[in-house]
Amino acid sequence: MEKIAIASDHAGRELKDDLKDFLVANGVEVVDMGVNNNDSVDYPDYGSPVAERGSKGEMERAILVCGTGVGMSILANKFKGVRAALVSDVLTARMSKEHNNANILVIGGRIVGKGLAREMVKAWMEARFEGGRHQKRLDKIAAIESR
């Protein structure tokens, strides 16, 4: 069974909870790393532990949700080895895995509706990294990260 971490801030909690239910219903083990109420929080407090687990290789995939997705994506991409993709359509979600091997999917809870978010997560989960010329590009990014 695949295992995936998920977290959000207060603005993304409703969508995070919906995606968690969607993933569990589809046989995915979900590690919910919060937030679990509507109290205002700072997204770095919830996104950092998820991105750190991804950076250390403890989780192969994760999903982060905040109001627009911008904050979580900026935060997550500060961690070595994380390739967080902010997506708002199915094609971008699929391509983020196929071409960029995105290991964290980021969604704006105030931007994307639940139905579309589920379709994006499904496309990302089903997609496979194509490697080849795309791996060469990821190697260049890794080299920049190592500086």
Protein backbone atom coordinates (compact mmCIF):
# COMPACT_ATOMS: atom_id res chain seq x y z
CA MET A 1 0.00 0.00 0.00
CA GLU A 2 1.33 3.40 -0.93
CA LYS A 3 1.84 5.88 1.88
CA ILE A 4 1.49 9.64 1.44
CA ALA A 5 1.83 12.57 3.83
CA ILE A 6 -0.64 15.44 3.72
CA ALA A 7 -0.82 18.77 5.53
CA SER A 8 -2.40 22.19 5.25
CA ASP A 9 -2.85 25.48 6.98
CA HIS A 10 -6.29 26.70 8.11
CA ALA A 11 -7.17 27.97 4.61
CA GLY A 12 -6.54 24.54 3.09
CA ARG A 13 -7.91 22.33 5.86
CA GLU A 14 -11.28 21.60 4.27
CA LEU A 15 -9.69 20.53 0.97
CA LYS A 16 -6.96 18.58 2.78
CA ASP A 17 -9.58 16.62 4.70
CA ASP A 18 -11.51 15.89 1.51
CA LEU A 19 -8.36 14.71 -0.29
CA LYS A 20 -7.41 12.55 2.67
CA ASP A 21 -10.82 10.82 2.52
CA PHE A 22 -10.46 10.43 -1.26
CA LEU A 23 -7.01 8.84 -0.94
CA VAL A 24 -8.05 6.48 1.85
CA ALA A 25 -11.09 5.40 -0.16
CA ASN A 26 -8.66 4.56 -2.99
CA GLY A 27 -6.43 2.36 -0.85
CA VAL A 28 -3.72 4.88 0.01
CA GLU A 29 -2.35 5.08 3.55
CA VAL A 30 -2.41 8.75 4.55
CA VAL A 31 -0.27 10.35 7.24
CA ASP A 32 -2.20 13.49 8.21
CA MET A 33 0.26 16.02 9.58
CA GLY A 34 -2.35 18.67 10.36
CA VAL A 35 -3.91 21.19 10.69
CA ASN A 36 -7.06 19.75 12.22
CA ASN A 37 -9.14 22.83 13.04
CA ASN A 38 -9.93 26.24 11.59
CA ASP A 39 -7.72 28.31 13.91
CA SER A 40 -5.37 30.60 12.02
CA VAL A 41 -1.87 29.10 11.73
CA ASP A 42 1.34 29.79 9.86
CA TYR A 43 1.74 27.44 6.88
CA PRO A 44 5.51 26.91 7.44
CA ASP A 45 4.70 25.19 10.75
CA TYR A 46 2.77 22.47 8.89
CA GLY A 47 4.51 22.39 5.53
CA SER A 48 8.06 22.14 6.91
CA PRO A 49 7.68 18.75 8.63
CA VAL A 50 6.18 17.30 5.45
CA ALA A 51 8.89 18.74 3.18
CA GLU A 52 11.58 17.59 5.60
CA ARG A 53 10.27 14.01 5.50
CA GLY A 54 10.31 14.22 1.70
CA SER A 55 13.83 15.63 1.69
CA LYS A 56 15.07 12.79 3.90
CA GLY A 57 13.37 10.18 1.74
CA GLU A 58 10.99 9.16 4.52
CA MET A 59 7.96 9.79 2.29
CA GLU A 60 7.98 9.25 -1.46
CA ARG A 61 5.05 11.61 -2.01
CA ALA A 62 3.15 14.29 -0.17
CA ILE A 63 0.39 16.83 -0.68
CA LEU A 64 0.36 20.34 0.77
CA VAL A 65 -2.60 22.71 0.73
CA CYS A 66 -2.83 26.37 1.69
CA GLY A 67 -5.06 29.22 0.51
CA THR A 68 -3.40 29.76 -2.88
CA GLY A 69 -0.72 27.07 -2.74
CA VAL A 70 1.98 29.67 -3.36
CA GLY A 71 3.29 29.81 0.21
CA MET A 72 3.47 26.04 0.62
CA SER A 73 5.19 25.60 -2.75
CA ILE A 74 7.83 28.23 -1.99
CA LEU A 75 8.42 26.68 1.43
CA ALA A 76 8.62 23.07 0.26
CA ASN A 77 11.08 23.87 -2.53
CA LYS A 78 13.55 25.21 0.04
CA PHE A 79 14.25 21.60 1.08
CA LYS A 80 16.94 19.69 -0.78
CA GLY A 81 15.55 17.01 -3.04
CA VAL A 82 12.00 18.30 -2.90
CA ARG A 83 10.30 19.02 -6.19
CA ALA A 84 7.02 20.61 -5.15
CA ALA A 85 4.64 21.50 -7.96
CA LEU A 86 1.84 24.00 -7.51
CA VAL A 87 -0.95 22.84 -9.79
CA SER A 88 -4.43 23.99 -10.71
CA ASP A 89 -5.35 21.67 -13.58
CA VAL A 90 -5.14 17.96 -14.41
CA LEU A 91 -2.58 18.27 -17.22
CA THR A 92 -0.13 20.18 -15.04
CA ALA A 93 -0.60 17.68 -12.22
CA ARG A 94 0.16 14.74 -14.52
CA MET A 95 3.08 16.46 -16.24
CA SER A 96 4.59 17.49 -12.90
CA LYS A 97 5.20 13.80 -12.25
CA GLU A 98 5.97 12.63 -15.79
CA HIS A 99 8.50 15.37 -16.62
CA ASN A 100 9.59 16.80 -13.26
CA ASN A 101 9.18 13.82 -10.94
CA ALA A 102 7.36 16.09 -8.49
CA ASN A 103 7.32 14.45 -5.09
CA ILE A 104 5.05 17.02 -3.46
CA LEU A 105 1.82 18.21 -5.02
CA VAL A 106 0.66 21.63 -3.85
CA ILE A 107 -2.90 22.85 -4.27
CA GLY A 108 -4.63 26.12 -3.42
CA GLY A 109 -7.60 25.38 -1.21
CA ARG A 110 -9.22 28.71 -2.09
CA ILE A 111 -8.45 28.30 -5.79
CA VAL A 112 -9.38 24.72 -6.71
CA GLY A 113 -12.66 22.95 -6.02
CA LYS A 114 -12.83 19.52 -4.44
CA GLY A 115 -13.80 17.64 -7.58
CA LEU A 116 -10.98 19.10 -9.64
CA ALA A 117 -8.52 18.59 -6.78
CA ARG A 118 -9.42 14.90 -6.64
CA GLU A 119 -8.90 14.58 -10.41
CA MET A 120 -5.51 16.29 -10.13
CA VAL A 121 -4.39 14.04 -7.28
CA LYS A 122 -5.56 10.95 -9.19
CA ALA A 123 -3.65 12.03 -12.33
CA TRP A 124 -0.49 12.74 -10.29
CA MET A 125 -0.70 9.47 -8.39
CA GLU A 126 -1.19 7.44 -11.59
CA ALA A 127 1.53 9.23 -13.57
CA ARG A 128 5.06 7.79 -13.78
CA PHE A 129 8.29 9.71 -14.23
CA GLU A 130 9.50 9.31 -17.82
CA GLY A 131 13.21 9.71 -17.06
CA GLY A 132 15.43 10.14 -20.13
CA ARG A 133 15.89 13.75 -21.13
CA HIS A 134 13.87 14.78 -18.10
CA GLN A 135 16.32 13.08 -15.72
CA LYS A 136 19.15 15.11 -17.25
CA ARG A 137 17.25 18.26 -16.36
CA LEU A 138 16.59 17.10 -12.81
CA ASP A 139 20.29 16.32 -12.46
CA LYS A 140 21.05 19.93 -13.38
CA ILE A 141 18.64 21.14 -10.72
CA ALA A 142 20.26 18.83 -8.15
CA ALA A 143 23.65 20.25 -9.03
CA ILE A 144 22.35 23.77 -8.42
CA GLU A 145 20.91 22.61 -5.08
CA SER A 146 24.30 21.25 -4.04
CA ARG A 147 26.10 24.57 -4.46
